[in-house]
Amino acid sequence: MKISSILKRQVFSLSFEVFPPKREGNVEQLYETIEELKELKPHFISVTYGAGGSTREKTIEIAAHVNNHLQVTALAHLTCVQATRDEIARILEVLAERGIENILALRGDPPRGEEKFQPVPGGFKYASDLVSFIADRADFCIGVAGYPEKHLEAPDLETDLLNLKRKVAAGADFIITQLFFFNEDFYRFRDLAERKGIRVPIIPGIFPLINYQQIARTVSLCGAKIPAKLAEKLEGVKEKPEEAEKYGVEFAVQQTTDLLKNGIPGLHFYSMNKSGPVKKIIKDLDLPRAGDDSDLEQLGIPL
């Protein structure tokens, strides 16, 4: 099932992100977590691509398991990092053979130890080039990333939105945002994107911040602003994981409740391979669900 088909029906989408485990034996544990997330009836589950393309095979394996064994639509991440055009073409062939119809096309972060992204000879420099390559070669539904607080490398939001428009013009069907904690940033980003002529659905990405240690890493990776009150609460209970999780869940519920009141097409949760916090958040939300069950079942959309 293509995610674009779900979104075109104006079905409110619920989705989760997981990542391949670093240790070989932990994939079974991840599959158990995905089974638990499946109980929440997501419309799709995305599988990330490790730094430097380090989990390329694992990403395909997990996405295929989600798609074919669990019967949940999979969104496989694909980046430009350490990959030539020919290598990406072969990956697209494998994804198609495994029945995966959805790709999140990303430039990717510089490999470890490198400050700036540099494409390999015969590779792609920008995500928009990757999107165009995928769109020209195969019949995939393509998602791209958006940055409510701008990409760390962009000089300003205006420039970043022009880059986003290029990705959409190249063939992107929808946008999933980087995590953010201030909804005003998302609303400003969404409004500016519309003024730029970006008409594809923009799905907000939600990151449940449930422990103090996540704060520094979150800021360093994407530059997201952290609410001072939440940071203070998490610092105060950093030796009490259950208390910290409670504060993080409460904040996420408040954040997503406000988003739900303001016309979003769906919610995408960065699960960090944990089902517990996400399940607690969703239990406290009044999520829109599909209306005409028979019509949507014909499309293969889970209800």
Protein backbone atom coordinates (compact mmCIF):
# COMPACT_ATOMS: atom_id res chain seq x y z
CA MET A 1 0.00 0.00 0.00
CA LYS A 2 1.35 3.39 -0.97
CA ILE A 3 1.25 6.00 1.77
CA SER A 4 0.14 8.56 -0.82
CA SER A 5 -3.04 6.49 -1.36
CA ILE A 6 -3.82 6.70 2.35
CA LEU A 7 -3.20 10.44 2.51
CA LYS A 8 -5.15 11.17 -0.68
CA ARG A 9 -8.20 9.59 0.96
CA GLN A 10 -7.74 12.17 3.73
CA VAL A 11 -7.44 9.36 6.25
CA PHE A 12 -5.71 10.55 9.41
CA SER A 13 -2.48 8.56 9.49
CA LEU A 14 -0.75 7.16 12.55
CA SER A 15 2.82 5.98 12.12
CA PHE A 16 5.97 5.06 14.01
CA GLU A 17 9.69 5.05 13.34
CA VAL A 18 12.01 2.26 14.42
CA PHE A 19 15.72 1.74 13.78
CA PRO A 20 17.83 -1.37 13.17
CA PRO A 21 19.53 -2.52 16.39
CA LYS A 22 23.28 -2.18 16.62
CA ARG A 23 23.75 -5.71 17.90
CA GLU A 24 22.99 -8.61 15.61
CA GLY A 25 20.93 -10.62 18.10
CA ASN A 26 18.60 -7.78 19.07
CA VAL A 27 16.45 -7.87 15.94
CA GLU A 28 14.03 -10.36 17.52
CA GLN A 29 13.52 -7.95 20.41
CA LEU A 30 12.81 -5.19 17.89
CA TYR A 31 10.24 -7.41 16.16
CA GLU A 32 8.49 -7.88 19.52
CA THR A 33 8.36 -4.09 19.93
CA ILE A 34 6.95 -3.68 16.43
CA GLU A 35 4.30 -6.31 17.22
CA GLU A 36 3.30 -4.19 20.23
CA LEU A 37 3.21 -1.04 18.10
CA LYS A 38 1.06 -2.90 15.56
CA GLU A 39 -1.64 -3.21 18.25
CA LEU A 40 -2.11 0.57 17.90
CA LYS A 41 -3.14 0.05 14.25
CA PRO A 42 -0.55 2.25 12.53
CA HIS A 43 -0.97 3.05 8.87
CA PHE A 44 2.76 2.65 8.32
CA ILE A 45 6.03 2.01 10.12
CA SER A 46 9.28 3.59 8.96
CA VAL A 47 12.69 1.93 9.29
CA THR A 48 15.77 4.16 9.48
CA TYR A 49 19.04 3.89 7.62
CA GLY A 50 22.15 3.76 9.82
CA ALA A 51 24.88 6.37 9.77
CA GLY A 52 27.07 5.98 6.72
CA GLY A 53 24.69 3.42 5.26
CA SER A 54 25.84 0.99 7.96
CA THR A 55 22.49 -0.79 8.30
CA ARG A 56 21.53 -0.94 4.62
CA GLU A 57 20.77 -4.68 4.55
CA LYS A 58 19.17 -4.60 8.01
CA THR A 59 16.89 -1.74 6.97
CA ILE A 60 15.64 -3.74 4.00
CA GLU A 61 15.26 -6.90 6.09
CA ILE A 62 13.24 -5.17 8.81
CA ALA A 63 11.12 -3.18 6.36
CA ALA A 64 10.32 -6.40 4.47
CA HIS A 65 9.36 -8.14 7.73
CA VAL A 66 7.03 -5.26 8.64
CA ASN A 67 5.54 -5.16 5.15
CA ASN A 68 5.21 -8.85 4.32
CA HIS A 69 5.06 -10.72 7.63
CA LEU A 70 3.26 -8.22 9.86
CA GLN A 71 1.15 -6.85 7.00
CA VAL A 72 1.81 -3.22 7.98
CA THR A 73 2.86 -0.77 5.27
CA ALA A 74 6.61 -0.16 5.51
CA LEU A 75 8.48 3.05 4.77
CA ALA A 76 12.16 2.29 4.12
CA HIS A 77 14.67 5.10 4.62
CA LEU A 78 17.26 5.61 1.91
CA THR A 79 20.14 8.10 1.99
CA CYS A 80 22.83 9.42 -0.33
CA VAL A 81 25.61 8.55 2.13
CA GLN A 82 28.44 6.37 0.80
CA ALA A 83 26.36 5.23 -2.20
CA THR A 84 26.80 5.66 -5.93
CA ARG A 85 23.92 5.92 -8.39
CA ASP A 86 24.47 2.30 -9.41
CA GLU A 87 24.36 1.12 -5.79
CA ILE A 88 21.16 3.04 -5.16
CA ALA A 89 19.65 1.60 -8.33
CA ARG A 90 20.39 -1.91 -7.02
CA ILE A 91 18.83 -1.05 -3.65
CA LEU A 92 15.69 0.15 -5.41
CA GLU A 93 15.51 -3.15 -7.28
CA VAL A 94 15.79 -5.12 -4.03
CA LEU A 95 13.16 -2.98 -2.31
CA ALA A 96 10.77 -3.51 -5.22
CA GLU A 97 11.45 -7.27 -5.19
CA ARG A 98 10.62 -7.35 -1.47
CA GLY A 99 7.30 -5.63 -2.09
CA ILE A 100 8.24 -2.32 -0.47
CA GLU A 101 6.48 0.59 -2.18
CA ASN A 102 7.45 3.54 0.05
CA ILE A 103 10.80 5.28 0.50
CA LEU A 104 11.83 8.17 2.75
CA ALA A 105 14.53 9.84 0.65
CA LEU A 106 17.17 11.70 2.68
CA ARG A 107 20.56 13.17 2.00
CA GLY A 108 21.81 11.74 5.29
CA ASP A 109 24.35 12.95 7.83
CA PRO A 110 28.09 13.05 7.15
CA PRO A 111 29.84 9.79 8.04
CA ARG A 112 31.33 9.64 11.52
CA GLY A 113 34.46 11.74 11.80
CA GLU A 114 33.51 14.06 8.94
CA GLU A 115 32.10 17.54 9.52
CA LYS A 116 30.60 18.19 6.08
CA PHE A 117 28.68 15.92 3.77
CA GLN A 118 30.56 15.01 0.62
CA PRO A 119 29.05 12.66 -1.96
CA VAL A 120 31.13 9.73 -3.15
CA PRO A 121 32.15 9.84 -6.82
CA GLY A 122 29.05 8.95 -8.79
CA GLY A 123 26.79 9.72 -5.84
CA PHE A 124 24.22 12.38 -5.01
CA LYS A 125 24.91 15.66 -3.25
CA TYR A 126 21.32 16.60 -2.38
CA ALA A 127 18.15 14.79 -1.32
CA SER A 128 16.33 16.40 -4.25
CA ASP A 129 18.70 14.57 -6.63
CA LEU A 130 17.93 11.28 -4.89
CA VAL A 131 14.17 11.96 -5.09
CA SER A 132 14.42 12.70 -8.81
CA PHE A 133 16.45 9.54 -9.41
CA ILE A 134 13.91 7.36 -7.58
CA ALA A 135 10.94 8.99 -9.30
CA ASP A 136 12.50 8.51 -12.74
CA ARG A 137 13.46 4.87 -12.24
CA ALA A 138 10.63 3.19 -10.35
CA ASP A 139 7.07 3.47 -9.14
CA PHE A 140 7.65 4.25 -5.45
CA CYS A 141 5.77 6.58 -3.15
CA ILE A 142 8.40 9.03 -1.90
CA GLY A 143 8.53 10.88 1.40
CA VAL A 144 11.04 13.55 2.39
CA ALA A 145 12.05 15.34 5.58
CA GLY A 146 11.03 18.85 6.62
CA TYR A 147 12.59 20.95 9.36
CA PRO A 148 10.29 23.26 11.37
CA GLU A 149 13.32 24.94 12.96
CA LYS A 150 15.32 24.69 9.68
CA HIS A 151 18.04 22.20 8.88
CA LEU A 152 21.20 22.73 10.93
CA GLU A 153 23.19 23.49 7.78
CA ALA A 154 20.68 25.93 6.26
CA PRO A 155 21.46 29.63 6.73
CA ASP A 156 17.79 30.44 7.35
CA LEU A 157 14.29 28.96 7.14
CA GLU A 158 13.62 30.69 3.81
CA THR A 159 16.53 28.88 2.16
CA ASP A 160 15.56 25.60 3.78
CA LEU A 161 12.00 25.88 2.46
CA LEU A 162 13.31 26.49 -1.06
CA ASN A 163 15.29 23.24 -0.70
CA LEU A 164 12.13 21.50 0.47
CA LYS A 165 10.23 22.83 -2.54
CA ARG A 166 12.91 21.36 -4.82
CA LYS A 167 12.41 17.95 -3.20
CA VAL A 168 8.66 18.14 -3.73
CA ALA A 169 9.08 19.31 -7.33
CA ALA A 170 11.44 16.38 -7.91
CA GLY A 171 8.67 13.93 -7.01
CA ALA A 172 8.06 13.79 -3.25
CA ASP A 173 4.52 12.77 -2.24
CA PHE A 174 4.58 13.79 1.43
CA ILE A 175 6.74 15.32 4.15
CA ILE A 176 7.56 14.07 7.65
CA THR A 177 9.07 16.70 9.91
CA GLN A 178 12.08 16.51 12.13
CA LEU A 179 11.18 16.43 15.81
CA PHE A 180 10.17 19.71 17.47
CA PHE A 181 8.77 20.71 20.86
CA PHE A 182 7.23 24.11 20.17
CA ASN A 183 4.11 23.83 18.02
CA GLU A 184 4.43 27.47 16.93
CA ASP A 185 7.52 26.42 14.99
CA PHE A 186 5.52 23.74 13.16
CA TYR A 187 2.62 26.08 12.38
CA ARG A 188 4.98 28.77 11.05
CA PHE A 189 6.82 26.19 8.95
CA ARG A 190 3.55 24.78 7.57
CA ASP A 191 2.17 28.22 6.70
CA LEU A 192 5.38 29.31 5.00
CA ALA A 193 5.53 26.04 3.06
CA GLU A 194 2.01 26.63 1.75
CA ARG A 195 2.93 30.15 0.68
CA LYS A 196 5.87 28.68 -1.22
CA GLY A 197 3.47 26.47 -3.15
CA ILE A 198 4.26 23.24 -1.31
CA ARG A 199 0.97 21.35 -1.47
CA VAL A 200 1.83 17.81 -0.31
CA PRO A 201 0.78 16.63 3.20
CA ILE A 202 3.10 17.63 6.04
CA ILE A 203 3.07 15.11 8.90
CA PRO A 204 4.52 16.32 12.23
CA GLY A 205 7.21 14.12 13.79
CA ILE A 206 6.84 13.68 17.55
CA PHE A 207 9.66 12.65 19.86
CA PRO A 208 8.68 11.63 23.40
CA LEU A 209 11.48 13.13 25.49
CA ILE A 210 11.44 10.74 28.45
CA ASN A 211 14.84 11.07 30.10
CA TYR A 212 17.38 13.78 30.83
CA GLN A 213 20.17 12.09 28.86
CA GLN A 214 18.20 12.53 25.63
CA ILE A 215 18.32 16.32 25.84
CA ALA A 216 21.97 16.94 24.92
CA ARG A 217 21.89 14.32 22.15
CA THR A 218 18.68 15.74 20.71
CA VAL A 219 20.07 19.26 20.58
CA SER A 220 23.38 18.15 19.06
CA LEU A 221 21.74 16.04 16.34
CA CYS A 222 19.09 18.43 15.07
CA GLY A 223 19.32 21.67 17.05
CA ALA A 224 15.76 21.42 18.40
CA LYS A 225 14.86 23.84 21.18
CA ILE A 226 13.93 22.10 24.43
CA PRO A 227 11.20 23.60 26.66
CA ALA A 228 12.92 24.89 29.80
CA LYS A 229 10.23 23.59 32.17
CA LEU A 230 10.38 20.09 30.71
CA ALA A 231 14.19 20.10 30.89
CA GLU A 232 14.06 21.18 34.53
CA LYS A 233 11.57 18.44 35.39
CA LEU A 234 13.63 15.78 33.66
CA GLU A 235 16.81 16.97 35.36
CA GLY A 236 15.07 16.82 38.73
CA VAL A 237 14.16 13.16 38.27
CA LYS A 238 17.10 11.95 36.16
CA GLU A 239 17.72 9.14 38.64
CA LYS A 240 14.03 8.14 38.57
CA PRO A 241 13.24 6.78 35.10
CA GLU A 242 9.55 6.16 35.78
CA GLU A 243 9.03 9.76 36.92
CA ALA A 244 10.96 11.08 33.93
CA GLU A 245 8.87 9.02 31.53
CA LYS A 246 5.69 10.33 33.15
CA TYR A 247 6.74 13.95 32.54
CA GLY A 248 7.76 13.20 28.95
CA VAL A 249 4.48 11.44 28.20
CA GLU A 250 2.46 14.28 29.73
CA PHE A 251 4.26 16.83 27.57
CA ALA A 252 3.80 14.76 24.41
CA VAL A 253 0.08 14.38 25.12
CA GLN A 254 -0.27 18.16 25.53
CA GLN A 255 1.74 18.83 22.38
CA THR A 256 -0.14 16.36 20.19
CA THR A 257 -3.55 17.38 21.56
CA ASP A 258 -2.86 20.93 20.38
CA LEU A 259 -1.67 19.67 16.98
CA LEU A 260 -4.83 17.59 16.58
CA LYS A 261 -6.91 20.74 16.99
CA ASN A 262 -5.05 22.41 14.15
CA GLY A 263 -5.66 20.32 11.06
CA ILE A 264 -2.72 17.92 10.79
CA PRO A 265 -2.93 14.97 8.35
CA GLY A 266 -1.37 12.52 10.80
CA LEU A 267 1.14 11.91 13.57
CA HIS A 268 4.52 10.22 13.20
CA PHE A 269 6.14 9.08 16.46
CA TYR A 270 9.88 8.55 16.84
CA SER A 271 9.52 5.48 19.06
CA MET A 272 13.22 4.91 19.84
CA ASN A 273 12.35 1.21 19.62
CA LYS A 274 10.16 1.47 22.72
CA SER A 275 6.42 0.80 22.61
CA GLY A 276 5.55 1.71 26.21
CA PRO A 277 5.74 5.54 26.12
CA VAL A 278 4.01 5.73 22.73
CA LYS A 279 1.17 3.48 23.89
CA LYS A 280 0.67 5.68 26.95
CA ILE A 281 0.54 8.82 24.80
CA ILE A 282 -1.94 7.41 22.30
CA LYS A 283 -4.17 6.06 25.08
CA ASP A 284 -4.72 9.67 26.20
CA LEU A 285 -5.41 11.05 22.72
CA ASP A 286 -8.68 11.30 20.85
CA LEU A 287 -7.33 10.31 17.46
CA PRO A 288 -9.46 10.73 14.34
CA ARG A 289 -10.14 7.34 12.79
CA ALA A 290 -11.43 6.26 9.40
CA GLY A 291 -15.11 6.84 8.69
CA ASP A 292 -16.24 4.55 5.85
CA ASP A 293 -14.72 1.22 6.89
CA SER A 294 -15.86 -0.80 3.89
CA ASP A 295 -14.48 1.68 1.38
CA LEU A 296 -11.13 1.91 3.16
CA GLU A 297 -10.83 -1.85 3.61
CA GLN A 298 -11.03 -2.19 -0.17
CA LEU A 299 -7.96 0.01 -0.34
CA GLY A 300 -6.20 -2.24 2.16
CA ILE A 301 -6.03 0.53 4.76
CA PRO A 302 -5.93 -0.83 8.35
CA LEU A 303 -8.60 0.63 10.63
